[in-house]
């Protein structure tokens, strides 16, 4: 029984660690990869379009 208990605890601990490590690795990789890449690629276009639209709307509204 002692061996069974130890093995069960080790298996549970191993499973939890692997599951937790997989989730953390996946989340960390997703945030450090797709998120920054998509945000960085999507940030430049809106920023460049915003300033271009602002000056065009300002002169059009001024006159």
Protein backbone atom coordinates (compact mmCIF):
# COMPACT_ATOMS: atom_id res chain seq x y z
CA UNK A 1 0.00 0.00 0.00
CA UNK A 2 2.85 2.35 0.82
CA UNK A 3 4.34 1.89 -2.66
CA UNK A 4 0.93 2.35 -4.27
CA UNK A 5 0.30 5.56 -2.34
CA UNK A 6 3.74 6.95 -3.27
CA UNK A 7 3.29 6.04 -6.93
CA UNK A 8 -0.19 7.56 -7.03
CA UNK A 9 1.06 10.79 -5.48
CA UNK A 10 4.01 10.92 -7.88
CA UNK A 11 1.79 10.25 -10.90
CA UNK A 12 -0.69 12.92 -9.83
CA UNK A 13 2.10 15.39 -9.16
CA UNK A 14 3.74 14.59 -12.48
CA UNK A 15 0.45 14.95 -14.35
CA UNK A 16 -0.32 18.29 -12.69
CA UNK A 17 3.19 19.60 -13.38
CA UNK A 18 3.08 18.54 -17.05
CA UNK A 19 -0.41 19.99 -17.48
CA UNK A 20 0.52 23.23 -15.76
CA UNK A 21 3.81 23.48 -17.67
CA UNK A 22 2.04 22.87 -20.98
CA UNK A 23 -0.59 25.53 -20.25
CA UNK A 24 1.97 28.09 -19.08
CA UNK A 25 4.24 27.38 -22.07
CA UNK A 26 1.33 27.61 -24.51
CA UNK A 27 -0.03 30.81 -22.96
CA UNK A 28 3.43 32.39 -22.71
CA UNK A 29 4.26 31.45 -26.31
CA UNK A 30 0.88 32.70 -27.56
CA UNK A 31 1.26 36.05 -25.76
CA UNK A 32 4.93 36.41 -26.75
CA UNK A 33 4.27 35.37 -30.38
CA UNK A 34 0.88 35.83 -32.06
CA UNK A 35 -0.29 38.64 -29.73
CA UNK A 36 2.75 40.96 -30.05
CA UNK A 37 3.09 40.12 -33.75
CA UNK A 38 -0.58 40.81 -34.55
CA UNK A 39 -0.70 43.91 -32.31
CA UNK A 40 2.58 45.27 -33.71
CA UNK A 41 1.46 44.68 -37.30
CA UNK A 42 -2.00 46.13 -36.61
CA UNK A 43 -0.69 49.12 -34.64
CA UNK A 44 1.40 50.71 -37.46
CA UNK A 45 -1.45 50.87 -40.05
CA UNK A 46 -4.00 52.54 -37.69
CA UNK A 47 -1.37 55.00 -36.41
CA UNK A 48 -0.28 55.97 -39.93
CA UNK A 49 -3.90 56.23 -41.13
CA UNK A 50 -5.00 58.27 -38.09
CA UNK A 51 -2.45 61.11 -38.58
CA UNK A 52 -3.10 61.12 -42.34
CA UNK A 53 -6.86 61.37 -41.79
CA UNK A 54 -6.53 64.03 -39.08
CA UNK A 55 -4.58 66.53 -41.26
CA UNK A 56 -6.88 65.86 -44.25
CA UNK A 57 -9.99 66.45 -42.09
CA UNK A 58 -8.48 69.54 -40.42
CA UNK A 59 -7.79 71.48 -43.65
CA UNK A 60 -11.15 70.35 -45.10
CA UNK A 61 -12.99 71.54 -41.95
CA UNK A 62 -10.94 74.77 -41.66
CA UNK A 63 -11.84 76.06 -45.14
